[in-house]
Amino acid sequence: MNQVKSEKFNKAAFLDRDGTLNEDTGYLYKIKDFRWIKGAVNALRILKKN
C-alpha cells in the first residue's frame, strides 16, 4: 500500500451565488439589485471562522 505524504492544505469552500447566497432575480448587473437570502451573511461568517 502506498503511503500518502502528509501535507498541510488550505481549506476551501465553493459556493454557488444565485439562489444560494442571494435571491435569484435573473441577470444581475447592478449592485443595487443584489438581495441577500436571509441567513446567508451569517452562514458565510461561520464558514470563514471554521
PDB file of N, CA and C in Angstrom:
ATOM      1  N   MET A   1       0.844  -1.171   0.000  1.00  0.00           N
ATOM      2  CA  MET A   1       0.000   0.000   0.000  1.00  0.00           C
ATOM      3  C   MET A   1       0.897   1.244   0.000  1.00  0.00           C
ATOM      4  N   ASN A   2       0.582   2.225  -0.832  1.00  0.00           N
ATOM      5  CA  ASN A   2       1.362   3.458  -0.892  1.00  0.00           C
ATOM      6  C   ASN A   2       1.035   4.356   0.290  1.00  0.00           C
ATOM      7  N   GLN A   3       2.049   4.986   0.824  1.00  0.00           N
ATOM      8  CA  GLN A   3       1.833   5.937   1.905  1.00  0.00           C
ATOM      9  C   GLN A   3       1.674   7.324   1.308  1.00  0.00           C
ATOM     10  N   VAL A   4       0.716   8.062   1.829  1.00  0.00           N
ATOM     11  CA  VAL A   4       0.474   9.424   1.365  1.00  0.00           C
ATOM     12  C   VAL A   4       1.276  10.374   2.240  1.00  0.00           C
ATOM     13  N   LYS A   5       2.036  11.238   1.593  1.00  0.00           N
ATOM     14  CA  LYS A   5       2.823  12.221   2.330  1.00  0.00           C
ATOM     15  C   LYS A   5       1.873  13.221   2.981  1.00  0.00           C
ATOM     16  N   SER A   6       2.040  13.436   4.258  1.00  0.00           N
ATOM     17  CA  SER A   6       1.182  14.364   4.992  1.00  0.00           C
ATOM     18  C   SER A   6       1.624  15.795   4.702  1.00  0.00           C
ATOM     19  N   GLU A   7       0.724  16.583   4.153  1.00  0.00           N
ATOM     20  CA  GLU A   7       0.988  17.989   3.873  1.00  0.00           C
ATOM     21  C   GLU A   7      -0.157  18.815   4.426  1.00  0.00           C
ATOM     22  N   LYS A   8       0.142  20.061   4.732  1.00  0.00           N
ATOM     23  CA  LYS A   8      -0.903  20.957   5.209  1.00  0.00           C
ATOM     24  C   LYS A   8      -1.566  21.612   3.996  1.00  0.00           C
ATOM     25  N   PHE A   9      -2.862  21.503   3.919  1.00  0.00           N
ATOM     26  CA  PHE A   9      -3.613  22.093   2.823  1.00  0.00           C
ATOM     27  C   PHE A   9      -4.459  23.248   3.343  1.00  0.00           C
ATOM     28  N   ASN A  10      -4.675  24.243   2.512  1.00  0.00           N
ATOM     29  CA  ASN A  10      -5.586  25.327   2.848  1.00  0.00           C
ATOM     30  C   ASN A  10      -7.010  24.845   2.671  1.00  0.00           C
ATOM     31  N   LYS A  11      -7.887  25.286   3.544  1.00  0.00           N
ATOM     32  CA  LYS A  11      -9.299  24.936   3.423  1.00  0.00           C
ATOM     33  C   LYS A  11      -9.917  25.755   2.295  1.00  0.00           C
ATOM     34  N   ALA A  12     -10.926  25.184   1.658  1.00  0.00           N
ATOM     35  CA  ALA A  12     -11.630  25.896   0.594  1.00  0.00           C
ATOM     36  C   ALA A  12     -13.091  25.480   0.597  1.00  0.00           C
ATOM     37  N   ALA A  13     -13.938  26.399   0.221  1.00  0.00           N
ATOM     38  CA  ALA A  13     -15.366  26.115   0.056  1.00  0.00           C
ATOM     39  C   ALA A  13     -15.793  26.772  -1.249  1.00  0.00           C
ATOM     40  N   PHE A  14     -16.541  26.045  -2.040  1.00  0.00           N
ATOM     41  CA  PHE A  14     -17.021  26.561  -3.313  1.00  0.00           C
ATOM     42  C   PHE A  14     -18.541  26.660  -3.237  1.00  0.00           C
ATOM     43  N   LEU A  15     -19.058  27.850  -3.427  1.00  0.00           N
ATOM     44  CA  LEU A  15     -20.493  28.092  -3.293  1.00  0.00           C
ATOM     45  C   LEU A  15     -21.047  28.689  -4.577  1.00  0.00           C
ATOM     46  N   ASP A  16     -22.258  28.313  -4.882  1.00  0.00           N
ATOM     47  CA  ASP A  16     -22.987  28.965  -5.956  1.00  0.00           C
ATOM     48  C   ASP A  16     -23.558  30.247  -5.372  1.00  0.00           C
ATOM     49  N   ARG A  17     -23.671  31.275  -6.138  1.00  0.00           N
ATOM     50  CA  ARG A  17     -24.190  32.537  -5.629  1.00  0.00           C
ATOM     51  C   ARG A  17     -25.700  32.631  -5.806  1.00  0.00           C
ATOM     52  N   ASP A  18     -26.167  32.636  -7.041  1.00  0.00           N
ATOM     53  CA  ASP A  18     -27.583  32.880  -7.324  1.00  0.00           C
ATOM     54  C   ASP A  18     -28.471  31.782  -6.766  1.00  0.00           C
ATOM     55  N   GLY A  19     -29.344  32.158  -5.852  1.00  0.00           N
ATOM     56  CA  GLY A  19     -30.262  31.209  -5.240  1.00  0.00           C
ATOM     57  C   GLY A  19     -29.685  30.516  -4.020  1.00  0.00           C
ATOM     58  N   THR A  20     -28.398  30.712  -3.758  1.00  0.00           N
ATOM     59  CA  THR A  20     -27.755  30.120  -2.585  1.00  0.00           C
ATOM     60  C   THR A  20     -27.405  31.206  -1.579  1.00  0.00           C
ATOM     61  N   LEU A  21     -26.781  32.265  -2.047  1.00  0.00           N
ATOM     62  CA  LEU A  21     -26.412  33.384  -1.180  1.00  0.00           C
ATOM     63  C   LEU A  21     -27.301  34.597  -1.400  1.00  0.00           C
ATOM     64  N   ASN A  22     -27.785  34.750  -2.604  1.00  0.00           N
ATOM     65  CA  ASN A  22     -28.643  35.893  -2.911  1.00  0.00           C
ATOM     66  C   ASN A  22     -29.882  35.424  -3.664  1.00  0.00           C
ATOM     67  N   GLU A  23     -30.885  36.279  -3.672  1.00  0.00           N
ATOM     68  CA  GLU A  23     -32.110  35.961  -4.409  1.00  0.00           C
ATOM     69  C   GLU A  23     -31.783  35.892  -5.895  1.00  0.00           C
ATOM     70  N   ASP A  24     -32.256  34.849  -6.548  1.00  0.00           N
ATOM     71  CA  ASP A  24     -32.018  34.684  -7.980  1.00  0.00           C
ATOM     72  C   ASP A  24     -33.051  35.507  -8.729  1.00  0.00           C
ATOM     73  N   THR A  25     -32.621  36.650  -9.238  1.00  0.00           N
ATOM     74  CA  THR A  25     -33.528  37.555  -9.944  1.00  0.00           C
ATOM     75  C   THR A  25     -33.184  37.654 -11.420  1.00  0.00           C
ATOM     76  N   GLY A  26     -32.469  36.659 -11.914  1.00  0.00           N
ATOM     77  CA  GLY A  26     -32.039  36.712 -13.302  1.00  0.00           C
ATOM     78  C   GLY A  26     -30.674  37.372 -13.391  1.00  0.00           C
ATOM     79  N   TYR A  27     -30.357  37.912 -14.555  1.00  0.00           N
ATOM     80  CA  TYR A  27     -29.044  38.528 -14.756  1.00  0.00           C
ATOM     81  C   TYR A  27     -28.882  39.727 -13.834  1.00  0.00           C
ATOM     82  N   LEU A  28     -27.859  39.708 -13.035  1.00  0.00           N
ATOM     83  CA  LEU A  28     -27.597  40.767 -12.063  1.00  0.00           C
ATOM     84  C   LEU A  28     -26.426  41.606 -12.550  1.00  0.00           C
ATOM     85  N   TYR A  29     -26.683  42.843 -12.883  1.00  0.00           N
ATOM     86  CA  TYR A  29     -25.607  43.696 -13.366  1.00  0.00           C
ATOM     87  C   TYR A  29     -25.501  45.012 -12.603  1.00  0.00           C
ATOM     88  N   LYS A  30     -26.395  45.239 -11.640  1.00  0.00           N
ATOM     89  CA  LYS A  30     -26.324  46.430 -10.794  1.00  0.00           C
ATOM     90  C   LYS A  30     -26.269  45.986  -9.340  1.00  0.00           C
ATOM     91  N   ILE A  31     -25.269  46.480  -8.610  1.00  0.00           N
ATOM     92  CA  ILE A  31     -25.104  46.088  -7.216  1.00  0.00           C
ATOM     93  C   ILE A  31     -26.336  46.458  -6.388  1.00  0.00           C
ATOM     94  N   LYS A  32     -27.037  47.510  -6.757  1.00  0.00           N
ATOM     95  CA  LYS A  32     -28.220  47.928  -6.002  1.00  0.00           C
ATOM     96  C   LYS A  32     -29.346  46.899  -6.086  1.00  0.00           C
ATOM     97  N   ASP A  33     -29.293  46.009  -7.058  1.00  0.00           N
ATOM     98  CA  ASP A  33     -30.319  44.976  -7.214  1.00  0.00           C
ATOM     99  C   ASP A  33     -29.986  43.683  -6.465  1.00  0.00           C
ATOM    100  N   PHE A  34     -28.800  43.624  -5.856  1.00  0.00           N
ATOM    101  CA  PHE A  34     -28.378  42.435  -5.116  1.00  0.00           C
ATOM    102  C   PHE A  34     -29.167  42.344  -3.815  1.00  0.00           C
ATOM    103  N   ARG A  35     -29.745  41.167  -3.530  1.00  0.00           N
ATOM    104  CA  ARG A  35     -30.519  40.936  -2.307  1.00  0.00           C
ATOM    105  C   ARG A  35     -30.033  39.646  -1.658  1.00  0.00           C
ATOM    106  N   TRP A  36     -29.480  39.762  -0.436  1.00  0.00           N
ATOM    107  CA  TRP A  36     -29.034  38.579   0.308  1.00  0.00           C
ATOM    108  C   TRP A  36     -30.219  37.717   0.699  1.00  0.00           C
ATOM    109  N   ILE A  37     -30.040  36.410   0.698  1.00  0.00           N
ATOM    110  CA  ILE A  37     -31.018  35.482   1.262  1.00  0.00           C
ATOM    111  C   ILE A  37     -30.835  35.531   2.773  1.00  0.00           C
ATOM    112  N   LYS A  38     -31.937  35.495   3.502  1.00  0.00           N
ATOM    113  CA  LYS A  38     -31.890  35.554   4.962  1.00  0.00           C
ATOM    114  C   LYS A  38     -30.966  34.454   5.496  1.00  0.00           C
ATOM    115  N   GLY A  39     -30.024  34.847   6.335  1.00  0.00           N
ATOM    116  CA  GLY A  39     -29.100  33.905   6.950  1.00  0.00           C
ATOM    117  C   GLY A  39     -27.812  33.679   6.176  1.00  0.00           C
ATOM    118  N   ALA A  40     -27.730  34.149   4.940  1.00  0.00           N
ATOM    119  CA  ALA A  40     -26.545  33.888   4.117  1.00  0.00           C
ATOM    120  C   ALA A  40     -25.297  34.576   4.661  1.00  0.00           C
ATOM    121  N   VAL A  41     -25.429  35.811   5.093  1.00  0.00           N
ATOM    122  CA  VAL A  41     -24.265  36.544   5.605  1.00  0.00           C
ATOM    123  C   VAL A  41     -23.741  35.871   6.870  1.00  0.00           C
ATOM    124  N   ASN A  42     -24.632  35.491   7.766  1.00  0.00           N
ATOM    125  CA  ASN A  42     -24.218  34.804   8.987  1.00  0.00           C
ATOM    126  C   ASN A  42     -23.568  33.458   8.658  1.00  0.00           C
ATOM    127  N   ALA A  43     -24.109  32.743   7.695  1.00  0.00           N
ATOM    128  CA  ALA A  43     -23.535  31.459   7.287  1.00  0.00           C
ATOM    129  C   ALA A  43     -22.114  31.649   6.747  1.00  0.00           C
ATOM    130  N   LEU A  44     -21.883  32.711   5.996  1.00  0.00           N
ATOM    131  CA  LEU A  44     -20.537  32.988   5.481  1.00  0.00           C
ATOM    132  C   LEU A  44     -19.571  33.316   6.618  1.00  0.00           C
ATOM    133  N   ARG A  45     -20.056  34.022   7.625  1.00  0.00           N
ATOM    134  CA  ARG A  45     -19.208  34.319   8.793  1.00  0.00           C
ATOM    135  C   ARG A  45     -18.796  33.033   9.506  1.00  0.00           C
ATOM    136  N   ILE A  46     -19.746  32.127   9.686  1.00  0.00           N
ATOM    137  CA  ILE A  46     -19.459  30.843  10.340  1.00  0.00           C
ATOM    138  C   ILE A  46     -18.467  30.040   9.505  1.00  0.00           C
ATOM    139  N   LEU A  47     -18.679  30.015   8.207  1.00  0.00           N
ATOM    140  CA  LEU A  47     -17.780  29.290   7.309  1.00  0.00           C
ATOM    141  C   LEU A  47     -16.364  29.863   7.378  1.00  0.00           C
ATOM    142  N   LYS A  48     -16.257  31.175   7.399  1.00  0.00           N
ATOM    143  CA  LYS A  48     -14.947  31.827   7.465  1.00  0.00           C
ATOM    144  C   LYS A  48     -14.233  31.495   8.776  1.00  0.00           C
ATOM    145  N   LYS A  49     -14.994  31.447   9.870  1.00  0.00           N
ATOM    146  CA  LYS A  49     -14.408  31.182  11.185  1.00  0.00           C
ATOM    147  C   LYS A  49     -13.878  29.755  11.291  1.00  0.00           C
ATOM    148  N   ASN A  50     -14.512  28.834  10.583  1.00  0.00           N
ATOM    149  CA  ASN A  50     -14.131  27.429  10.671  1.00  0.00           C
ATOM    150  C   ASN A  50     -13.279  27.023   9.498  1.00  0.00           C
TER     151      ASN A  50
END
